[in-house]
Protein backbone atom coordinates (compact mmCIF):
# COMPACT_ATOMS: atom_id res chain seq x y z
CA UNK A 1 0.01 0.03 0.02
CA UNK A 2 2.83 2.36 0.84
CA UNK A 3 4.59 1.80 -2.47
CA UNK A 4 1.45 2.66 -4.43
CA UNK A 5 0.97 5.90 -2.57
CA UNK A 6 4.65 6.73 -2.98
CA UNK A 7 4.57 6.01 -6.74
CA UNK A 8 1.34 8.22 -7.15
CA UNK A 9 2.92 11.12 -5.25
CA UNK A 10 6.10 10.98 -7.29
CA UNK A 11 4.11 10.78 -10.51
CA UNK A 12 2.16 13.87 -9.48
CA UNK A 13 5.54 15.70 -8.60
CA UNK A 14 6.93 14.70 -12.02
CA UNK A 15 3.93 16.10 -13.81
CA UNK A 16 4.09 19.24 -11.77
CA UNK A 17 7.79 19.75 -12.46
CA UNK A 18 7.51 19.80 -16.21
CA UNK A 19 8.45 23.24 -17.60
CA UNK A 20 5.20 23.97 -19.47
CA UNK A 21 4.22 27.17 -17.89
CA UNK A 22 5.89 30.55 -18.66
CA UNK A 23 7.30 31.08 -15.21
CA UNK A 24 9.08 27.73 -15.31
CA UNK A 25 10.48 27.91 -18.77
CA UNK A 26 13.89 28.88 -17.41
CA UNK A 27 14.12 25.87 -15.13
CA UNK A 28 15.28 23.52 -17.84
CA UNK A 29 15.15 19.79 -17.29
CA UNK A 30 16.57 19.73 -13.76
CA UNK A 31 13.32 19.40 -11.68
CA UNK A 32 11.73 16.88 -14.07
CA UNK A 33 14.93 14.92 -14.49
CA UNK A 34 15.61 14.63 -10.77
CA UNK A 35 12.10 13.68 -9.91
CA UNK A 36 11.92 11.32 -12.94
CA UNK A 37 15.05 9.52 -11.70
CA UNK A 38 13.63 9.12 -8.21
CA UNK A 39 10.37 7.95 -9.73
CA UNK A 40 12.16 5.35 -11.82
CA UNK A 41 14.12 4.04 -8.86
CA UNK A 42 11.03 3.82 -6.63
CA UNK A 43 9.07 2.20 -9.36
CA UNK A 44 11.72 -0.48 -9.86
CA UNK A 45 11.99 -1.00 -6.07
CA UNK A 46 8.21 -1.34 -5.86
CA UNK A 47 8.11 -3.91 -8.67
CA UNK A 48 10.78 -6.04 -7.02
CA UNK A 49 9.13 -5.74 -3.65
CA UNK A 50 11.72 -3.66 -1.69
CA UNK A 51 9.47 -0.75 -0.75
């Protein structure tokens, strides 16, 4: 149950960090890349049963 909640929260953060709004155009790929990497790690850990 915890892993599903964690994956959903990280997915929402990843969508929120995408530079699609005018004020976030100068951010580049850093927020989305960092959160995407964390999301990938947590997703793999959830699939193998470590979380």
